[in-house]
Amino acid sequence: MNIIDRYKKPTPKFFRILRNIGIALATAGGVIVTAPVMLPTIVVTIATYMTVAGTVATAVAQAVVSDEVNQGIE
């Protein structure tokens, strides 16, 4: 299965929640980094890490697919 097929398949509920949290982190970090006001260096550094962590969490959570074999067990 290639990456395009993985992104098209359904994502389990836990990873959809994780993906949405990642999107929120990346968005919040991006807003802080691009703020038109001067912020302390530590705030900008934390916001940069939030952006990276949110982007990675979103990409990984989206690539997880449901296991079709075990669907009947739940």
PDB file of N, CA and C in Angstrom:
ATOM      1  N   MET A   1       0.849  -1.166   0.000  1.00  0.00           N
ATOM      2  CA  MET A   1       0.000   0.000   0.000  1.00  0.00           C
ATOM      3  C   MET A   1       0.907   1.246   0.000  1.00  0.00           C
ATOM      4  N   ASN A   2       0.682   2.125  -0.952  1.00  0.00           N
ATOM      5  CA  ASN A   2       1.502   3.334  -1.005  1.00  0.00           C
ATOM      6  C   ASN A   2       0.867   4.445  -0.164  1.00  0.00           C
ATOM      7  N   ILE A   3       1.567   5.539  -0.031  1.00  0.00           N
ATOM      8  CA  ILE A   3       1.146   6.614   0.875  1.00  0.00           C
ATOM      9  C   ILE A   3      -0.164   7.265   0.431  1.00  0.00           C
ATOM     10  N   ILE A   4      -0.405   7.352  -0.857  1.00  0.00           N
ATOM     11  CA  ILE A   4      -1.650   7.961  -1.352  1.00  0.00           C
ATOM     12  C   ILE A   4      -2.844   7.099  -0.975  1.00  0.00           C
ATOM     13  N   ASP A   5      -2.701   5.767  -1.092  1.00  0.00           N
ATOM     14  CA  ASP A   5      -3.779   4.873  -0.687  1.00  0.00           C
ATOM     15  C   ASP A   5      -4.036   4.971   0.815  1.00  0.00           C
ATOM     16  N   ARG A   6      -2.973   5.109   1.605  1.00  0.00           N
ATOM     17  CA  ARG A   6      -3.133   5.219   3.061  1.00  0.00           C
ATOM     18  C   ARG A   6      -3.909   6.485   3.424  1.00  0.00           C
ATOM     19  N   TYR A   7      -3.631   7.586   2.744  1.00  0.00           N
ATOM     20  CA  TYR A   7      -4.312   8.833   3.070  1.00  0.00           C
ATOM     21  C   TYR A   7      -5.775   8.819   2.645  1.00  0.00           C
ATOM     22  N   LYS A   8      -6.145   7.959   1.705  1.00  0.00           N
ATOM     23  CA  LYS A   8      -7.531   7.894   1.237  1.00  0.00           C
ATOM     24  C   LYS A   8      -8.399   6.969   2.087  1.00  0.00           C
ATOM     25  N   LYS A   9      -7.790   6.045   2.842  1.00  0.00           N
ATOM     26  CA  LYS A   9      -8.554   5.097   3.653  1.00  0.00           C
ATOM     27  C   LYS A   9      -9.045   5.761   4.940  1.00  0.00           C
ATOM     28  N   PRO A  10     -10.088   5.171   5.558  1.00  0.00           N
ATOM     29  CA  PRO A  10     -10.614   5.771   6.800  1.00  0.00           C
ATOM     30  C   PRO A  10      -9.606   5.714   7.950  1.00  0.00           C
ATOM     31  N   THR A  11      -9.655   6.731   8.786  1.00  0.00           N
ATOM     32  CA  THR A  11      -8.760   6.849   9.938  1.00  0.00           C
ATOM     33  C   THR A  11      -9.549   6.495  11.199  1.00  0.00           C
ATOM     34  N   PRO A  12      -8.962   5.716  12.125  1.00  0.00           N
ATOM     35  CA  PRO A  12      -9.658   5.402  13.385  1.00  0.00           C
ATOM     36  C   PRO A  12      -9.966   6.667  14.188  1.00  0.00           C
ATOM     37  N   LYS A  13     -10.979   6.570  15.062  1.00  0.00           N
ATOM     38  CA  LYS A  13     -11.462   7.737  15.803  1.00  0.00           C
ATOM     39  C   LYS A  13     -10.364   8.394  16.637  1.00  0.00           C
ATOM     40  N   PHE A  14      -9.560   7.604  17.366  1.00  0.00           N
ATOM     41  CA  PHE A  14      -8.506   8.171  18.202  1.00  0.00           C
ATOM     42  C   PHE A  14      -7.550   9.015  17.374  1.00  0.00           C
ATOM     43  N   PHE A  15      -7.183   8.526  16.200  1.00  0.00           N
ATOM     44  CA  PHE A  15      -6.222   9.248  15.376  1.00  0.00           C
ATOM     45  C   PHE A  15      -6.853  10.444  14.679  1.00  0.00           C
ATOM     46  N   ARG A  16      -8.166  10.437  14.479  1.00  0.00           N
ATOM     47  CA  ARG A  16      -8.833  11.641  13.973  1.00  0.00           C
ATOM     48  C   ARG A  16      -8.768  12.745  15.016  1.00  0.00           C
ATOM     49  N   ILE A  17      -8.974  12.377  16.295  1.00  0.00           N
ATOM     50  CA  ILE A  17      -8.872  13.362  17.377  1.00  0.00           C
ATOM     51  C   ILE A  17      -7.438  13.882  17.468  1.00  0.00           C
ATOM     52  N   LEU A  18      -6.470  12.961  17.396  1.00  0.00           N
ATOM     53  CA  LEU A  18      -5.066  13.355  17.433  1.00  0.00           C
ATOM     54  C   LEU A  18      -4.706  14.259  16.260  1.00  0.00           C
ATOM     55  N   ARG A  19      -5.247  13.958  15.081  1.00  0.00           N
ATOM     56  CA  ARG A  19      -5.008  14.794  13.901  1.00  0.00           C
ATOM     57  C   ARG A  19      -5.552  16.202  14.115  1.00  0.00           C
ATOM     58  N   ASN A  20      -6.748  16.295  14.686  1.00  0.00           N
ATOM     59  CA  ASN A  20      -7.343  17.618  14.921  1.00  0.00           C
ATOM     60  C   ASN A  20      -6.558  18.414  15.957  1.00  0.00           C
ATOM     61  N   ILE A  21      -6.057  17.742  16.978  1.00  0.00           N
ATOM     62  CA  ILE A  21      -5.211  18.421  17.967  1.00  0.00           C
ATOM     63  C   ILE A  21      -3.920  18.911  17.299  1.00  0.00           C
ATOM     64  N   GLY A  22      -3.350  18.077  16.429  1.00  0.00           N
ATOM     65  CA  GLY A  22      -2.140  18.470  15.702  1.00  0.00           C
ATOM     66  C   GLY A  22      -2.376  19.676  14.817  1.00  0.00           C
ATOM     67  N   ILE A  23      -3.522  19.707  14.164  1.00  0.00           N
ATOM     68  CA  ILE A  23      -3.861  20.861  13.322  1.00  0.00           C
ATOM     69  C   ILE A  23      -3.974  22.121  14.176  1.00  0.00           C
ATOM     70  N   ALA A  24      -4.611  21.990  15.337  1.00  0.00           N
ATOM     71  CA  ALA A  24      -4.758  23.147  16.228  1.00  0.00           C
ATOM     72  C   ALA A  24      -3.401  23.632  16.731  1.00  0.00           C
ATOM     73  N   LEU A  25      -2.512  22.696  17.106  1.00  0.00           N
ATOM     74  CA  LEU A  25      -1.172  23.085  17.563  1.00  0.00           C
ATOM     75  C   LEU A  25      -0.396  23.797  16.465  1.00  0.00           C
ATOM     76  N   ALA A  26      -0.440  23.239  15.266  1.00  0.00           N
ATOM     77  CA  ALA A  26       0.294  23.844  14.155  1.00  0.00           C
ATOM     78  C   ALA A  26      -0.251  25.235  13.832  1.00  0.00           C
ATOM     79  N   THR A  27      -1.557  25.373  13.886  1.00  0.00           N
ATOM     80  CA  THR A  27      -2.172  26.669  13.599  1.00  0.00           C
ATOM     81  C   THR A  27      -1.812  27.704  14.667  1.00  0.00           C
ATOM     82  N   ALA A  28      -1.938  27.299  15.931  1.00  0.00           N
ATOM     83  CA  ALA A  28      -1.615  28.228  17.023  1.00  0.00           C
ATOM     84  C   ALA A  28      -0.141  28.630  16.981  1.00  0.00           C
ATOM     85  N   GLY A  29       0.724  27.662  16.743  1.00  0.00           N
ATOM     86  CA  GLY A  29       2.149  27.980  16.647  1.00  0.00           C
ATOM     87  C   GLY A  29       2.454  28.902  15.484  1.00  0.00           C
ATOM     88  N   GLY A  30       1.815  28.662  14.349  1.00  0.00           N
ATOM     89  CA  GLY A  30       2.021  29.515  13.180  1.00  0.00           C
ATOM     90  C   GLY A  30       1.548  30.932  13.409  1.00  0.00           C
ATOM     91  N   VAL A  31       0.441  31.081  14.104  1.00  0.00           N
ATOM     92  CA  VAL A  31      -0.087  32.416  14.395  1.00  0.00           C
ATOM     93  C   VAL A  31       0.873  33.176  15.306  1.00  0.00           C
ATOM     94  N   ILE A  32       1.401  32.489  16.306  1.00  0.00           N
ATOM     95  CA  ILE A  32       2.324  33.160  17.234  1.00  0.00           C
ATOM     96  C   ILE A  32       3.623  33.534  16.531  1.00  0.00           C
ATOM     97  N   VAL A  33       4.138  32.624  15.704  1.00  0.00           N
ATOM     98  CA  VAL A  33       5.403  32.899  15.006  1.00  0.00           C
ATOM     99  C   VAL A  33       5.265  34.092  14.060  1.00  0.00           C
ATOM    100  N   THR A  34       4.138  34.210  13.403  1.00  0.00           N
ATOM    101  CA  THR A  34       3.958  35.278  12.420  1.00  0.00           C
ATOM    102  C   THR A  34       3.272  36.514  13.003  1.00  0.00           C
ATOM    103  N   ALA A  35       3.179  36.597  14.322  1.00  0.00           N
ATOM    104  CA  ALA A  35       2.530  37.750  14.948  1.00  0.00           C
ATOM    105  C   ALA A  35       3.284  39.036  14.590  1.00  0.00           C
ATOM    106  N   PRO A  36       2.539  40.103  14.313  1.00  0.00           N
ATOM    107  CA  PRO A  36       3.189  41.361  13.901  1.00  0.00           C
ATOM    108  C   PRO A  36       3.783  42.154  15.067  1.00  0.00           C
ATOM    109  N   VAL A  37       3.731  41.608  16.272  1.00  0.00           N
ATOM    110  CA  VAL A  37       4.298  42.305  17.429  1.00  0.00           C
ATOM    111  C   VAL A  37       5.555  41.575  17.889  1.00  0.00           C
ATOM    112  N   MET A  38       6.382  42.278  18.597  1.00  0.00           N
ATOM    113  CA  MET A  38       7.621  41.698  19.119  1.00  0.00           C
ATOM    114  C   MET A  38       7.303  40.860  20.355  1.00  0.00           C
ATOM    115  N   LEU A  39       7.623  39.585  20.293  1.00  0.00           N
ATOM    116  CA  LEU A  39       7.392  38.681  21.413  1.00  0.00           C
ATOM    117  C   LEU A  39       8.731  38.202  21.959  1.00  0.00           C
ATOM    118  N   PRO A  40       8.758  37.784  23.225  1.00  0.00           N
ATOM    119  CA  PRO A  40      10.006  37.263  23.779  1.00  0.00           C
ATOM    120  C   PRO A  40      10.500  36.047  22.979  1.00  0.00           C
ATOM    121  N   THR A  41      11.783  35.868  22.958  1.00  0.00           N
ATOM    122  CA  THR A  41      12.394  34.795  22.182  1.00  0.00           C
ATOM    123  C   THR A  41      11.891  33.419  22.604  1.00  0.00           C
ATOM    124  N   ILE A  42      11.695  33.224  23.890  1.00  0.00           N
ATOM    125  CA  ILE A  42      11.247  31.923  24.379  1.00  0.00           C
ATOM    126  C   ILE A  42       9.850  31.590  23.851  1.00  0.00           C
ATOM    127  N   VAL A  43       8.987  32.582  23.740  1.00  0.00           N
ATOM    128  CA  VAL A  43       7.634  32.365  23.224  1.00  0.00           C
ATOM    129  C   VAL A  43       7.688  31.960  21.753  1.00  0.00           C
ATOM    130  N   VAL A  44       8.512  32.639  20.979  1.00  0.00           N
ATOM    131  CA  VAL A  44       8.650  32.314  19.561  1.00  0.00           C
ATOM    132  C   VAL A  44       9.264  30.927  19.392  1.00  0.00           C
ATOM    133  N   THR A  45      10.220  30.569  20.232  1.00  0.00           N
ATOM    134  CA  THR A  45      10.847  29.255  20.158  1.00  0.00           C
ATOM    135  C   THR A  45       9.836  28.157  20.474  1.00  0.00           C
ATOM    136  N   ILE A  46       9.052  28.344  21.527  1.00  0.00           N
ATOM    137  CA  ILE A  46       8.020  27.362  21.877  1.00  0.00           C
ATOM    138  C   ILE A  46       6.984  27.254  20.766  1.00  0.00           C
ATOM    139  N   ALA A  47       6.599  28.377  20.184  1.00  0.00           N
ATOM    140  CA  ALA A  47       5.628  28.358  19.094  1.00  0.00           C
ATOM    141  C   ALA A  47       6.177  27.618  17.880  1.00  0.00           C
ATOM    142  N   THR A  48       7.470  27.750  17.618  1.00  0.00           N
ATOM    143  CA  THR A  48       8.081  27.018  16.506  1.00  0.00           C
ATOM    144  C   THR A  48       8.017  25.522  16.753  1.00  0.00           C
ATOM    145  N   TYR A  49       8.336  25.111  17.976  1.00  0.00           N
ATOM    146  CA  TYR A  49       8.244  23.687  18.317  1.00  0.00           C
ATOM    147  C   TYR A  49       6.795  23.188  18.248  1.00  0.00           C
ATOM    148  N   MET A  50       5.850  24.027  18.658  1.00  0.00           N
ATOM    149  CA  MET A  50       4.432  23.651  18.553  1.00  0.00           C
ATOM    150  C   MET A  50       4.043  23.428  17.099  1.00  0.00           C
ATOM    151  N   THR A  51       4.505  24.279  16.216  1.00  0.00           N
ATOM    152  CA  THR A  51       4.193  24.142  14.794  1.00  0.00           C
ATOM    153  C   THR A  51       4.751  22.845  14.230  1.00  0.00           C
ATOM    154  N   VAL A  52       5.991  22.548  14.565  1.00  0.00           N
ATOM    155  CA  VAL A  52       6.616  21.316  14.065  1.00  0.00           C
ATOM    156  C   VAL A  52       5.914  20.092  14.644  1.00  0.00           C
ATOM    157  N   ALA A  53       5.662  20.091  15.953  1.00  0.00           N
ATOM    158  CA  ALA A  53       5.005  18.950  16.586  1.00  0.00           C
ATOM    159  C   ALA A  53       3.596  18.739  16.036  1.00  0.00           C
ATOM    160  N   GLY A  54       2.870  19.813  15.836  1.00  0.00           N
ATOM    161  CA  GLY A  54       1.519  19.702  15.286  1.00  0.00           C
ATOM    162  C   GLY A  54       1.515  19.178  13.865  1.00  0.00           C
ATOM    163  N   THR A  55       2.462  19.632  13.072  1.00  0.00           N
ATOM    164  CA  THR A  55       2.548  19.164  11.686  1.00  0.00           C
ATOM    165  C   THR A  55       2.891  17.685  11.629  1.00  0.00           C
ATOM    166  N   VAL A  56       3.841  17.257  12.442  1.00  0.00           N
ATOM    167  CA  VAL A  56       4.228  15.841  12.454  1.00  0.00           C
ATOM    168  C   VAL A  56       3.082  14.975  12.977  1.00  0.00           C
ATOM    169  N   ALA A  57       2.435  15.398  14.047  1.00  0.00           N
ATOM    170  CA  ALA A  57       1.316  14.632  14.601  1.00  0.00           C
ATOM    171  C   ALA A  57       0.186  14.504  13.592  1.00  0.00           C
ATOM    172  N   THR A  58      -0.086  15.566  12.867  1.00  0.00           N
ATOM    173  CA  THR A  58      -1.137  15.532  11.858  1.00  0.00           C
ATOM    174  C   THR A  58      -0.794  14.563  10.739  1.00  0.00           C
ATOM    175  N   ALA A  59       0.425  14.604  10.257  1.00  0.00           N
ATOM    176  CA  ALA A  59       0.836  13.719   9.166  1.00  0.00           C
ATOM    177  C   ALA A  59       0.816  12.260   9.593  1.00  0.00           C
ATOM    178  N   VAL A  60       1.320  11.966  10.770  1.00  0.00           N
ATOM    179  CA  VAL A  60       1.349  10.583  11.245  1.00  0.00           C
ATOM    180  C   VAL A  60      -0.067  10.074  11.514  1.00  0.00           C
ATOM    181  N   ALA A  61      -0.895  10.878  12.158  1.00  0.00           N
ATOM    182  CA  ALA A  61      -2.259  10.450  12.473  1.00  0.00           C
ATOM    183  C   ALA A  61      -3.078  10.219  11.208  1.00  0.00           C
ATOM    184  N   GLN A  62      -2.845  10.997  10.181  1.00  0.00           N
ATOM    185  CA  GLN A  62      -3.592  10.826   8.941  1.00  0.00           C
ATOM    186  C   GLN A  62      -3.161   9.565   8.196  1.00  0.00           C
ATOM    187  N   ALA A  63      -1.928   9.131   8.379  1.00  0.00           N
ATOM    188  CA  ALA A  63      -1.424   7.963   7.660  1.00  0.00           C
ATOM    189  C   ALA A  63      -1.852   6.640   8.293  1.00  0.00           C
ATOM    190  N   VAL A  64      -2.408   6.674   9.515  1.00  0.00           N
ATOM    191  CA  VAL A  64      -2.867   5.451  10.171  1.00  0.00           C
ATOM    192  C   VAL A  64      -4.199   5.042   9.561  1.00  0.00           C
ATOM    193  N   VAL A  65      -4.340   3.761   9.248  1.00  0.00           N
ATOM    194  CA  VAL A  65      -5.579   3.270   8.654  1.00  0.00           C
ATOM    195  C   VAL A  65      -6.197   2.220   9.558  1.00  0.00           C
ATOM    196  N   SER A  66      -7.505   2.045   9.434  1.00  0.00           N
ATOM    197  CA  SER A  66      -8.209   1.017  10.192  1.00  0.00           C
ATOM    198  C   SER A  66      -7.827  -0.357   9.673  1.00  0.00           C
ATOM    199  N   ASP A  67      -7.711  -1.305  10.585  1.00  0.00           N
ATOM    200  CA  ASP A  67      -7.423  -2.684  10.221  1.00  0.00           C
ATOM    201  C   ASP A  67      -8.744  -3.356   9.856  1.00  0.00           C
ATOM    202  N   GLU A  68      -8.938  -3.657   8.591  1.00  0.00           N
ATOM    203  CA  GLU A  68     -10.214  -4.190   8.119  1.00  0.00           C
ATOM    204  C   GLU A  68     -10.496  -5.591   8.655  1.00  0.00           C
ATOM    205  N   VAL A  69      -9.462  -6.363   8.989  1.00  0.00           N
ATOM    206  CA  VAL A  69      -9.644  -7.725   9.482  1.00  0.00           C
ATOM    207  C   VAL A  69     -10.267  -7.716  10.867  1.00  0.00           C
ATOM    208  N   ASN A  70      -9.881  -6.792  11.725  1.00  0.00           N
ATOM    209  CA  ASN A  70     -10.354  -6.753  13.107  1.00  0.00           C
ATOM    210  C   ASN A  70     -11.609  -5.911  13.304  1.00  0.00           C
ATOM    211  N   GLN A  71     -12.235  -5.430  12.279  1.00  0.00           N
ATOM    212  CA  GLN A  71     -13.404  -4.572  12.427  1.00  0.00           C
ATOM    213  C   GLN A  71     -14.573  -5.313  13.078  1.00  0.00           C
ATOM    214  N   GLY A  72     -14.722  -6.593  12.814  1.00  0.00           N
ATOM    215  CA  GLY A  72     -15.831  -7.356  13.372  1.00  0.00           C
ATOM    216  C   GLY A  72     -15.668  -7.658  14.840  1.00  0.00           C
ATOM    217  N   ILE A  73     -14.470  -7.581  15.393  1.00  0.00           N
ATOM    218  CA  ILE A  73     -14.211  -7.904  16.791  1.00  0.00           C
ATOM    219  C   ILE A  73     -14.719  -6.807  17.710  1.00  0.00           C
ATOM    220  N   GLU A  74     -14.626  -5.570  17.319  1.00  0.00           N
ATOM    221  CA  GLU A  74     -15.008  -4.445  18.182  1.00  0.00           C
ATOM    222  C   GLU A  74     -16.453  -4.351  18.293  1.00  0.00           C
TER     223      GLU A  74
END
